[in-house]
């Protein structure tokens, strides 16, 4: 199992209020959830009108798939707004969990 996480910093030059910014971000977040089934949330720059940071998370069986899907989500977001920075991190978990690791009791 591989978990991919990204933080995308956005520049929103057309936004002139927090309300406008949140409307743009809501549309982007809804489209990402619908198209990619990815977790996405505003994680920074919440009090600025023209900047924002979005956090993304994807989980999959194959690292190449997760990397590719995360890249596609970042490109998709970039098609709507200007991205100024993208940070990515991947973590692989190769050991299967034992029943006791989950707190499960037979």
PDB file of N, CA and C in Angstrom:
ATOM      1  N   UNK A   1       0.855  -1.174   0.000  1.00  0.00           N
ATOM      2  CA  UNK A   1       0.000   0.000   0.000  1.00  0.00           C
ATOM      3  C   UNK A   1       0.899   1.234   0.000  1.00  0.00           C
ATOM      4  N   UNK A   2       0.537   2.218  -0.812  1.00  0.00           N
ATOM      5  CA  UNK A   2       1.266   3.481  -0.879  1.00  0.00           C
ATOM      6  C   UNK A   2       0.308   4.635  -0.635  1.00  0.00           C
ATOM      7  N   UNK A   3       0.765   5.580   0.165  1.00  0.00           N
ATOM      8  CA  UNK A   3       0.016   6.798   0.437  1.00  0.00           C
ATOM      9  C   UNK A   3       0.781   7.963  -0.191  1.00  0.00           C
ATOM     10  N   UNK A   4       0.097   8.736  -1.015  1.00  0.00           N
ATOM     11  CA  UNK A   4       0.691   9.925  -1.621  1.00  0.00           C
ATOM     12  C   UNK A   4       0.018  11.166  -1.080  1.00  0.00           C
ATOM     13  N   UNK A   5       0.841  12.132  -0.695  1.00  0.00           N
ATOM     14  CA  UNK A   5       0.338  13.382  -0.140  1.00  0.00           C
ATOM     15  C   UNK A   5       0.966  14.533  -0.916  1.00  0.00           C
ATOM     16  N   UNK A   6       0.186  15.547  -1.204  1.00  0.00           N
ATOM     17  CA  UNK A   6       0.703  16.737  -1.879  1.00  0.00           C
ATOM     18  C   UNK A   6       0.134  17.988  -1.233  1.00  0.00           C
ATOM     19  N   UNK A   7       0.947  19.013  -1.249  1.00  0.00           N
ATOM     20  CA  UNK A   7       0.507  20.345  -0.810  1.00  0.00           C
ATOM     21  C   UNK A   7       0.718  21.270  -1.999  1.00  0.00           C
ATOM     22  N   UNK A   8      -0.360  21.883  -2.476  1.00  0.00           N
ATOM     23  CA  UNK A   8      -0.316  22.759  -3.639  1.00  0.00           C
ATOM     24  C   UNK A   8      -0.582  24.186  -3.171  1.00  0.00           C
ATOM     25  N   UNK A   9       0.342  25.084  -3.486  1.00  0.00           N
ATOM     26  CA  UNK A   9       0.145  26.493  -3.181  1.00  0.00           C
ATOM     27  C   UNK A   9      -0.416  27.165  -4.425  1.00  0.00           C
ATOM     28  N   UNK A  10      -1.496  27.898  -4.242  1.00  0.00           N
ATOM     29  CA  UNK A  10      -2.219  28.505  -5.356  1.00  0.00           C
ATOM     30  C   UNK A  10      -2.162  30.028  -5.289  1.00  0.00           C
ATOM     31  N   UNK A  11      -2.207  30.651  -6.477  1.00  0.00           N
ATOM     32  CA  UNK A  11      -2.344  32.105  -6.586  1.00  0.00           C
ATOM     33  C   UNK A  11      -3.648  32.379  -7.318  1.00  0.00           C
ATOM     34  N   UNK A  12      -4.509  33.171  -6.713  1.00  0.00           N
ATOM     35  CA  UNK A  12      -5.843  33.466  -7.244  1.00  0.00           C
ATOM     36  C   UNK A  12      -5.961  34.972  -7.509  1.00  0.00           C
ATOM     37  N   UNK A  13      -5.423  35.464  -8.633  1.00  0.00           N
ATOM     38  CA  UNK A  13      -5.386  36.921  -8.858  1.00  0.00           C
ATOM     39  C   UNK A  13      -6.763  37.559  -9.038  1.00  0.00           C
ATOM     40  N   UNK A  14      -7.754  36.792  -9.457  1.00  0.00           N
ATOM     41  CA  UNK A  14      -9.093  37.337  -9.697  1.00  0.00           C
ATOM     42  C   UNK A  14      -9.923  37.451  -8.423  1.00  0.00           C
ATOM     43  N   UNK A  15      -9.425  36.900  -7.342  1.00  0.00           N
ATOM     44  CA  UNK A  15     -10.176  36.904  -6.084  1.00  0.00           C
ATOM     45  C   UNK A  15      -9.953  38.223  -5.347  1.00  0.00           C
ATOM     46  N   UNK A  16     -11.061  38.881  -4.963  1.00  0.00           N
ATOM     47  CA  UNK A  16     -10.971  40.163  -4.266  1.00  0.00           C
ATOM     48  C   UNK A  16     -11.643  40.121  -2.901  1.00  0.00           C
ATOM     49  N   UNK A  17     -11.975  38.923  -2.443  1.00  0.00           N
ATOM     50  CA  UNK A  17     -12.533  38.753  -1.106  1.00  0.00           C
ATOM     51  C   UNK A  17     -12.384  37.292  -0.704  1.00  0.00           C
ATOM     52  N   UNK A  18     -12.519  37.047   0.567  1.00  0.00           N
ATOM     53  CA  UNK A  18     -12.461  35.660   1.045  1.00  0.00           C
ATOM     54  C   UNK A  18     -13.632  34.853   0.498  1.00  0.00           C
ATOM     55  N   UNK A  19     -14.766  35.514   0.333  1.00  0.00           N
ATOM     56  CA  UNK A  19     -15.943  34.827  -0.199  1.00  0.00           C
ATOM     57  C   UNK A  19     -15.691  34.347  -1.631  1.00  0.00           C
ATOM     58  N   UNK A  20     -15.110  35.196  -2.477  1.00  0.00           N
ATOM     59  CA  UNK A  20     -14.779  34.800  -3.848  1.00  0.00           C
ATOM     60  C   UNK A  20     -13.774  33.650  -3.857  1.00  0.00           C
ATOM     61  N   UNK A  21     -12.772  33.766  -3.008  1.00  0.00           N
ATOM     62  CA  UNK A  21     -11.753  32.721  -2.924  1.00  0.00           C
ATOM     63  C   UNK A  21     -12.375  31.391  -2.529  1.00  0.00           C
ATOM     64  N   UNK A  22     -13.226  31.388  -1.542  1.00  0.00           N
ATOM     65  CA  UNK A  22     -13.831  30.144  -1.070  1.00  0.00           C
ATOM     66  C   UNK A  22     -14.744  29.527  -2.125  1.00  0.00           C
ATOM     67  N   UNK A  23     -15.401  30.364  -2.930  1.00  0.00           N
ATOM     68  CA  UNK A  23     -16.252  29.843  -4.004  1.00  0.00           C
ATOM     69  C   UNK A  23     -15.400  29.113  -5.045  1.00  0.00           C
ATOM     70  N   UNK A  24     -14.264  29.700  -5.401  1.00  0.00           N
ATOM     71  CA  UNK A  24     -13.357  29.065  -6.367  1.00  0.00           C
ATOM     72  C   UNK A  24     -12.828  27.762  -5.797  1.00  0.00           C
ATOM     73  N   UNK A  25     -12.370  27.793  -4.563  1.00  0.00           N
ATOM     74  CA  UNK A  25     -11.809  26.587  -3.938  1.00  0.00           C
ATOM     75  C   UNK A  25     -12.856  25.489  -3.789  1.00  0.00           C
ATOM     76  N   UNK A  26     -14.080  25.847  -3.467  1.00  0.00           N
ATOM     77  CA  UNK A  26     -15.136  24.851  -3.317  1.00  0.00           C
ATOM     78  C   UNK A  26     -15.375  24.115  -4.634  1.00  0.00           C
ATOM     79  N   UNK A  27     -15.401  24.874  -5.753  1.00  0.00           N
ATOM     80  CA  UNK A  27     -15.586  24.244  -7.066  1.00  0.00           C
ATOM     81  C   UNK A  27     -14.434  23.297  -7.387  1.00  0.00           C
ATOM     82  N   UNK A  28     -13.208  23.734  -7.111  1.00  0.00           N
ATOM     83  CA  UNK A  28     -12.039  22.889  -7.388  1.00  0.00           C
ATOM     84  C   UNK A  28     -12.087  21.631  -6.536  1.00  0.00           C
ATOM     85  N   UNK A  29     -12.346  21.784  -5.249  1.00  0.00           N
ATOM     86  CA  UNK A  29     -12.372  20.628  -4.348  1.00  0.00           C
ATOM     87  C   UNK A  29     -13.463  19.637  -4.749  1.00  0.00           C
ATOM     88  N   UNK A  30     -14.636  20.141  -5.089  1.00  0.00           N
ATOM     89  CA  UNK A  30     -15.728  19.249  -5.510  1.00  0.00           C
ATOM     90  C   UNK A  30     -15.364  18.485  -6.776  1.00  0.00           C
ATOM     91  N   UNK A  31     -14.760  19.167  -7.741  1.00  0.00           N
ATOM     92  CA  UNK A  31     -14.383  18.500  -8.991  1.00  0.00           C
ATOM     93  C   UNK A  31     -13.297  17.454  -8.768  1.00  0.00           C
ATOM     94  N   UNK A  32     -12.330  17.748  -7.915  1.00  0.00           N
ATOM     95  CA  UNK A  32     -11.268  16.770  -7.617  1.00  0.00           C
ATOM     96  C   UNK A  32     -11.859  15.547  -6.934  1.00  0.00           C
ATOM     97  N   UNK A  33     -12.742  15.761  -5.972  1.00  0.00           N
ATOM     98  CA  UNK A  33     -13.377  14.620  -5.282  1.00  0.00           C
ATOM     99  C   UNK A  33     -14.183  13.761  -6.250  1.00  0.00           C
ATOM    100  N   UNK A  34     -14.952  14.424  -7.129  1.00  0.00           N
ATOM    101  CA  UNK A  34     -15.793  13.695  -8.078  1.00  0.00           C
ATOM    102  C   UNK A  34     -14.978  12.926  -9.111  1.00  0.00           C
ATOM    103  N   UNK A  35     -13.954  13.565  -9.653  1.00  0.00           N
ATOM    104  CA  UNK A  35     -13.195  12.962 -10.748  1.00  0.00           C
ATOM    105  C   UNK A  35     -12.162  11.938 -10.280  1.00  0.00           C
ATOM    106  N   UNK A  36     -11.494  12.197  -9.143  1.00  0.00           N
ATOM    107  CA  UNK A  36     -10.370  11.365  -8.718  1.00  0.00           C
ATOM    108  C   UNK A  36     -10.608  10.603  -7.426  1.00  0.00           C
ATOM    109  N   UNK A  37     -11.695  10.870  -6.738  1.00  0.00           N
ATOM    110  CA  UNK A  37     -11.960  10.236  -5.448  1.00  0.00           C
ATOM    111  C   UNK A  37     -10.782  10.429  -4.493  1.00  0.00           C
ATOM    112  N   UNK A  38     -10.264  11.648  -4.453  1.00  0.00           N
ATOM    113  CA  UNK A  38      -9.114  11.991  -3.611  1.00  0.00           C
ATOM    114  C   UNK A  38      -9.585  12.844  -2.435  1.00  0.00           C
ATOM    115  N   UNK A  39      -8.864  12.739  -1.340  1.00  0.00           N
ATOM    116  CA  UNK A  39      -9.127  13.612  -0.201  1.00  0.00           C
ATOM    117  C   UNK A  39      -8.457  14.950  -0.481  1.00  0.00           C
ATOM    118  N   UNK A  40      -9.175  16.046  -0.294  1.00  0.00           N
ATOM    119  CA  UNK A  40      -8.638  17.379  -0.563  1.00  0.00           C
ATOM    120  C   UNK A  40      -9.235  18.362   0.426  1.00  0.00           C
ATOM    121  N   UNK A  41      -8.397  19.295   0.909  1.00  0.00           N
ATOM    122  CA  UNK A  41      -8.859  20.298   1.866  1.00  0.00           C
ATOM    123  C   UNK A  41      -7.962  21.527   1.786  1.00  0.00           C
ATOM    124  N   UNK A  42      -8.524  22.666   2.162  1.00  0.00           N
ATOM    125  CA  UNK A  42      -7.709  23.880   2.288  1.00  0.00           C
ATOM    126  C   UNK A  42      -6.912  23.755   3.575  1.00  0.00           C
ATOM    127  N   UNK A  43      -5.582  23.870   3.480  1.00  0.00           N
ATOM    128  CA  UNK A  43      -4.733  23.624   4.642  1.00  0.00           C
ATOM    129  C   UNK A  43      -3.858  24.812   5.022  1.00  0.00           C
ATOM    130  N   UNK A  44      -3.969  25.914   4.299  1.00  0.00           N
ATOM    131  CA  UNK A  44      -3.139  27.060   4.657  1.00  0.00           C
ATOM    132  C   UNK A  44      -3.558  28.305   3.911  1.00  0.00           C
ATOM    133  N   UNK A  45      -3.001  29.437   4.347  1.00  0.00           N
ATOM    134  CA  UNK A  45      -3.268  30.740   3.729  1.00  0.00           C
ATOM    135  C   UNK A  45      -4.762  31.061   3.752  1.00  0.00           C
ATOM    136  N   UNK A  46      -5.441  30.663   4.800  1.00  0.00           N
ATOM    137  CA  UNK A  46      -6.894  30.790   4.834  1.00  0.00           C
ATOM    138  C   UNK A  46      -7.386  32.218   5.017  1.00  0.00           C
ATOM    139  N   UNK A  47      -6.531  33.107   5.510  1.00  0.00           N
ATOM    140  CA  UNK A  47      -6.977  34.485   5.731  1.00  0.00           C
ATOM    141  C   UNK A  47      -6.527  35.439   4.628  1.00  0.00           C
ATOM    142  N   UNK A  48      -5.907  34.918   3.561  1.00  0.00           N
ATOM    143  CA  UNK A  48      -5.472  35.749   2.438  1.00  0.00           C
ATOM    144  C   UNK A  48      -6.433  35.600   1.269  1.00  0.00           C
ATOM    145  N   UNK A  49      -6.682  36.678   0.562  1.00  0.00           N
ATOM    146  CA  UNK A  49      -7.647  36.655  -0.533  1.00  0.00           C
ATOM    147  C   UNK A  49      -7.135  35.942  -1.772  1.00  0.00           C
ATOM    148  N   UNK A  50      -5.861  36.111  -2.092  1.00  0.00           N
ATOM    149  CA  UNK A  50      -5.368  35.650  -3.386  1.00  0.00           C
ATOM    150  C   UNK A  50      -4.387  34.482  -3.301  1.00  0.00           C
ATOM    151  N   UNK A  51      -4.210  33.920  -2.134  1.00  0.00           N
ATOM    152  CA  UNK A  51      -3.341  32.752  -1.986  1.00  0.00           C
ATOM    153  C   UNK A  51      -4.047  31.692  -1.171  1.00  0.00           C
ATOM    154  N   UNK A  52      -3.679  30.443  -1.478  1.00  0.00           N
ATOM    155  CA  UNK A  52      -4.253  29.337  -0.729  1.00  0.00           C
ATOM    156  C   UNK A  52      -3.328  28.143  -0.833  1.00  0.00           C
ATOM    157  N   UNK A  53      -3.449  27.234   0.103  1.00  0.00           N
ATOM    158  CA  UNK A  53      -2.754  25.951   0.047  1.00  0.00           C
ATOM    159  C   UNK A  53      -3.786  24.852   0.180  1.00  0.00           C
ATOM    160  N   UNK A  54      -3.715  23.887  -0.741  1.00  0.00           N
ATOM    161  CA  UNK A  54      -4.596  22.731  -0.694  1.00  0.00           C
ATOM    162  C   UNK A  54      -3.766  21.498  -0.370  1.00  0.00           C
ATOM    163  N   UNK A  55      -4.307  20.645   0.479  1.00  0.00           N
ATOM    164  CA  UNK A  55      -3.688  19.361   0.781  1.00  0.00           C
ATOM    165  C   UNK A  55      -4.452  18.256   0.074  1.00  0.00           C
ATOM    166  N   UNK A  56      -3.718  17.309  -0.519  1.00  0.00           N
ATOM    167  CA  UNK A  56      -4.307  16.181  -1.241  1.00  0.00           C
ATOM    168  C   UNK A  56      -3.762  14.886  -0.669  1.00  0.00           C
ATOM    169  N   UNK A  57      -4.576  13.845  -0.677  1.00  0.00           N
ATOM    170  CA  UNK A  57      -4.114  12.523  -0.258  1.00  0.00           C
ATOM    171  C   UNK A  57      -4.759  11.459  -1.138  1.00  0.00           C
ATOM    172  N   UNK A  58      -3.938  10.500  -1.563  1.00  0.00           N
ATOM    173  CA  UNK A  58      -4.396   9.365  -2.366  1.00  0.00           C
ATOM    174  C   UNK A  58      -3.776   8.098  -1.802  1.00  0.00           C
ATOM    175  N   UNK A  59      -4.507   7.004  -1.878  1.00  0.00           N
ATOM    176  CA  UNK A  59      -4.023   5.706  -1.418  1.00  0.00           C
ATOM    177  C   UNK A  59      -4.218   4.704  -2.537  1.00  0.00           C
ATOM    178  N   UNK A  60      -3.212   3.842  -2.727  1.00  0.00           N
ATOM    179  CA  UNK A  60      -3.321   2.812  -3.753  1.00  0.00           C
ATOM    180  C   UNK A  60      -2.394   1.652  -3.476  1.00  0.00           C
ATOM    181  N   UNK A  61      -2.546   0.590  -4.262  1.00  0.00           N
ATOM    182  CA  UNK A  61      -1.713  -0.600  -4.083  1.00  0.00           C
ATOM    183  C   UNK A  61      -0.319  -0.453  -4.679  1.00  0.00           C
ATOM    184  N   UNK A  62      -0.189   0.378  -5.707  1.00  0.00           N
ATOM    185  CA  UNK A  62       1.048   0.481  -6.460  1.00  0.00           C
ATOM    186  C   UNK A  62       1.582   1.908  -6.397  1.00  0.00           C
ATOM    187  N   UNK A  63       2.860   2.068  -6.071  1.00  0.00           N
ATOM    188  CA  UNK A  63       3.448   3.401  -5.947  1.00  0.00           C
ATOM    189  C   UNK A  63       3.383   4.170  -7.272  1.00  0.00           C
ATOM    190  N   UNK A  64       3.663   3.495  -8.379  1.00  0.00           N
ATOM    191  CA  UNK A  64       3.620   4.176  -9.679  1.00  0.00           C
ATOM    192  C   UNK A  64       2.225   4.717  -9.972  1.00  0.00           C
ATOM    193  N   UNK A  65       1.218   3.942  -9.629  1.00  0.00           N
ATOM    194  CA  UNK A  65      -0.160   4.403  -9.836  1.00  0.00           C
ATOM    195  C   UNK A  65      -0.451   5.640  -8.980  1.00  0.00           C
ATOM    196  N   UNK A  66      -0.051   5.610  -7.718  1.00  0.00           N
ATOM    197  CA  UNK A  66      -0.317   6.733  -6.814  1.00  0.00           C
ATOM    198  C   UNK A  66       0.428   7.980  -7.294  1.00  0.00           C
ATOM    199  N   UNK A  67       1.694   7.830  -7.706  1.00  0.00           N
ATOM    200  CA  UNK A  67       2.457   8.965  -8.214  1.00  0.00           C
ATOM    201  C   UNK A  67       1.787   9.556  -9.455  1.00  0.00           C
ATOM    202  N   UNK A  68       1.395   8.682 -10.371  1.00  0.00           N
ATOM    203  CA  UNK A  68       0.753   9.118 -11.606  1.00  0.00           C
ATOM    204  C   UNK A  68      -0.576   9.824 -11.324  1.00  0.00           C
ATOM    205  N   UNK A  69      -1.372   9.250 -10.445  1.00  0.00           N
ATOM    206  CA  UNK A  69      -2.674   9.842 -10.111  1.00  0.00           C
ATOM    207  C   UNK A  69      -2.497  11.190  -9.422  1.00  0.00           C
ATOM    208  N   UNK A  70      -1.520  11.290  -8.522  1.00  0.00           N
ATOM    209  CA  UNK A  70      -1.284  12.554  -7.827  1.00  0.00           C
ATOM    210  C   UNK A  70      -0.820  13.623  -8.815  1.00  0.00           C
ATOM    211  N   UNK A  71       0.046  13.245  -9.760  1.00  0.00           N
ATOM    212  CA  UNK A  71       0.481  14.185 -10.800  1.00  0.00           C
ATOM    213  C   UNK A  71      -0.710  14.661 -11.636  1.00  0.00           C
ATOM    214  N   UNK A  72      -1.609  13.746 -11.934  1.00  0.00           N
ATOM    215  CA  UNK A  72      -2.788  14.097 -12.728  1.00  0.00           C
ATOM    216  C   UNK A  72      -3.700  15.055 -11.960  1.00  0.00           C
ATOM    217  N   UNK A  73      -3.862  14.843 -10.673  1.00  0.00           N
ATOM    218  CA  UNK A  73      -4.680  15.751  -9.859  1.00  0.00           C
ATOM    219  C   UNK A  73      -4.047  17.136  -9.824  1.00  0.00           C
ATOM    220  N   UNK A  74      -2.726  17.194  -9.661  1.00  0.00           N
ATOM    221  CA  UNK A  74      -2.032  18.484  -9.623  1.00  0.00           C
ATOM    222  C   UNK A  74      -2.200  19.216 -10.959  1.00  0.00           C
ATOM    223  N   UNK A  75      -2.076  18.494 -12.080  1.00  0.00           N
ATOM    224  CA  UNK A  75      -2.297  19.119 -13.395  1.00  0.00           C
ATOM    225  C   UNK A  75      -3.741  19.600 -13.535  1.00  0.00           C
ATOM    226  N   UNK A  76      -4.682  18.807 -13.037  1.00  0.00           N
ATOM    227  CA  UNK A  76      -6.098  19.163 -13.108  1.00  0.00           C
ATOM    228  C   UNK A  76      -6.353  20.459 -12.335  1.00  0.00           C
ATOM    229  N   UNK A  77      -5.828  20.564 -11.120  1.00  0.00           N
ATOM    230  CA  UNK A  77      -5.991  21.787 -10.324  1.00  0.00           C
ATOM    231  C   UNK A  77      -5.337  22.963 -11.053  1.00  0.00           C
ATOM    232  N   UNK A  78      -4.158  22.731 -11.640  1.00  0.00           N
ATOM    233  CA  UNK A  78      -3.455  23.778 -12.373  1.00  0.00           C
ATOM    234  C   UNK A  78      -4.187  24.257 -13.608  1.00  0.00           C
ATOM    235  N   UNK A  79      -5.134  23.471 -14.115  1.00  0.00           N
ATOM    236  CA  UNK A  79      -5.912  23.906 -15.268  1.00  0.00           C
ATOM    237  C   UNK A  79      -6.968  24.946 -14.885  1.00  0.00           C
ATOM    238  N   UNK A  80      -7.256  25.078 -13.587  1.00  0.00           N
ATOM    239  CA  UNK A  80      -8.243  26.043 -13.112  1.00  0.00           C
ATOM    240  C   UNK A  80      -7.604  27.291 -12.520  1.00  0.00           C
ATOM    241  N   UNK A  81      -6.513  27.118 -11.795  1.00  0.00           N
ATOM    242  CA  UNK A  81      -5.847  28.235 -11.120  1.00  0.00           C
ATOM    243  C   UNK A  81      -4.335  28.085 -11.255  1.00  0.00           C
ATOM    244  N   UNK A  82      -3.635  29.177 -11.004  1.00  0.00           N
ATOM    245  CA  UNK A  82      -2.170  29.165 -11.080  1.00  0.00           C
ATOM    246  C   UNK A  82      -1.579  28.499  -9.839  1.00  0.00           C
ATOM    247  N   UNK A  83      -0.730  27.501 -10.053  1.00  0.00           N
ATOM    248  CA  UNK A  83      -0.032  26.853  -8.937  1.00  0.00           C
ATOM    249  C   UNK A  83       1.360  27.451  -8.840  1.00  0.00           C
ATOM    250  N   UNK A  84       1.743  27.841  -7.643  1.00  0.00           N
ATOM    251  CA  UNK A  84       3.060  28.450  -7.449  1.00  0.00           C
ATOM    252  C   UNK A  84       4.054  27.493  -6.815  1.00  0.00           C
ATOM    253  N   UNK A  85       3.567  26.445  -6.172  1.00  0.00           N
ATOM    254  CA  UNK A  85       4.469  25.476  -5.555  1.00  0.00           C
ATOM    255  C   UNK A  85       3.718  24.166  -5.333  1.00  0.00           C
ATOM    256  N   UNK A  86       4.433  23.056  -5.519  1.00  0.00           N
ATOM    257  CA  UNK A  86       3.858  21.740  -5.261  1.00  0.00           C
ATOM    258  C   UNK A  86       4.887  20.923  -4.484  1.00  0.00           C
ATOM    259  N   UNK A  87       4.471  20.381  -3.362  1.00  0.00           N
ATOM    260  CA  UNK A  87       5.318  19.488  -2.567  1.00  0.00           C
ATOM    261  C   UNK A  87       4.633  18.129  -2.536  1.00  0.00           C
ATOM    262  N   UNK A  88       5.414  17.060  -2.735  1.00  0.00           N
ATOM    263  CA  UNK A  88       4.853  15.700  -2.737  1.00  0.00           C
ATOM    264  C   UNK A  88       5.639  14.823  -1.777  1.00  0.00           C
ATOM    265  N   UNK A  89       4.928  13.859  -1.222  1.00  0.00           N
ATOM    266  CA  UNK A  89       5.576  12.865  -0.356  1.00  0.00           C
ATOM    267  C   UNK A  89       4.832  11.548  -0.504  1.00  0.00           C
ATOM    268  N   UNK A  90       5.599  10.465  -0.549  1.00  0.00           N
ATOM    269  CA  UNK A  90       5.021   9.132  -0.701  1.00  0.00           C
ATOM    270  C   UNK A  90       5.540   8.239   0.417  1.00  0.00           C
ATOM    271  N   UNK A  91       4.644   7.449   0.965  1.00  0.00           N
ATOM    272  CA  UNK A  91       5.014   6.486   1.999  1.00  0.00           C
ATOM    273  C   UNK A  91       4.449   5.137   1.606  1.00  0.00           C
ATOM    274  N   UNK A  92       5.313   4.120   1.644  1.00  0.00           N
ATOM    275  CA  UNK A  92       4.871   2.767   1.304  1.00  0.00           C
ATOM    276  C   UNK A  92       4.817   1.915   2.561  1.00  0.00           C
ATOM    277  N   UNK A  93       3.786   1.119   2.628  1.00  0.00           N
ATOM    278  CA  UNK A  93       3.598   0.174   3.727  1.00  0.00           C
ATOM    279  C   UNK A  93       3.532  -1.212   3.096  1.00  0.00           C
ATOM    280  N   UNK A  94       4.602  -1.975   3.254  1.00  0.00           N
ATOM    281  CA  UNK A  94       4.675  -3.271   2.594  1.00  0.00           C
ATOM    282  C   UNK A  94       4.300  -4.435   3.502  1.00  0.00           C
ATOM    283  N   UNK A  95       4.272  -4.220   4.785  1.00  0.00           N
ATOM    284  CA  UNK A  95       3.929  -5.282   5.717  1.00  0.00           C
ATOM    285  C   UNK A  95       2.419  -5.340   5.899  1.00  0.00           C
ATOM    286  N   UNK A  96       1.813  -6.502   5.708  1.00  0.00           N
ATOM    287  CA  UNK A  96       0.379  -6.606   6.007  1.00  0.00           C
ATOM    288  C   UNK A  96       0.148  -6.474   7.507  1.00  0.00           C
ATOM    289  N   UNK A  97      -0.951  -5.865   7.856  1.00  0.00           N
ATOM    290  CA  UNK A  97      -1.287  -5.706   9.263  1.00  0.00           C
ATOM    291  C   UNK A  97      -1.815  -7.011   9.830  1.00  0.00           C
ATOM    292  N   UNK A  98      -1.363  -7.348  11.020  1.00  0.00           N
ATOM    293  CA  UNK A  98      -1.912  -8.502  11.727  1.00  0.00           C
ATOM    294  C   UNK A  98      -3.225  -8.077  12.375  1.00  0.00           C
ATOM    295  N   UNK A  99      -4.062  -9.030  12.681  1.00  0.00           N
ATOM    296  CA  UNK A  99      -5.350  -8.701  13.294  1.00  0.00           C
ATOM    297  C   UNK A  99      -5.175  -7.915  14.586  1.00  0.00           C
ATOM    298  N   UNK A 100      -4.171  -8.258  15.380  1.00  0.00           N
ATOM    299  CA  UNK A 100      -3.976  -7.588  16.656  1.00  0.00           C
ATOM    300  C   UNK A 100      -3.519  -6.150  16.484  1.00  0.00           C
ATOM    301  N   UNK A 101      -2.880  -5.805  15.353  1.00  0.00           N
ATOM    302  CA  UNK A 101      -2.465  -4.445  15.105  1.00  0.00           C
ATOM    303  C   UNK A 101      -3.659  -3.506  14.956  1.00  0.00           C
ATOM    304  N   UNK A 102      -4.783  -4.053  14.598  1.00  0.00           N
ATOM    305  CA  UNK A 102      -5.986  -3.251  14.429  1.00  0.00           C
ATOM    306  C   UNK A 102      -6.858  -3.222  15.680  1.00  0.00           C
ATOM    307  N   UNK A 103      -6.399  -3.860  16.722  1.00  0.00           N
ATOM    308  CA  UNK A 103      -7.184  -3.907  17.939  1.00  0.00           C
ATOM    309  C   UNK A 103      -8.294  -4.944  17.872  1.00  0.00           C
ATOM    310  N   UNK A 104      -8.212  -5.841  16.904  1.00  0.00           N
ATOM    311  CA  UNK A 104      -9.249  -6.850  16.713  1.00  0.00           C
ATOM    312  C   UNK A 104      -8.980  -8.034  17.620  1.00  0.00           C
ATOM    313  N   UNK A 105      -9.989  -8.505  18.274  1.00  0.00           N
ATOM    314  CA  UNK A 105      -9.862  -9.680  19.155  1.00  0.00           C
ATOM    315  C   UNK A 105     -10.762 -10.782  18.641  1.00  0.00           C
ATOM    316  N   UNK A 106     -10.211 -11.995  18.458  1.00  0.00           N
ATOM    317  CA  UNK A 106     -11.039 -13.117  17.974  1.00  0.00           C
ATOM    318  C   UNK A 106     -12.039 -13.575  19.022  1.00  0.00           C
TER     319      UNK A 106
END
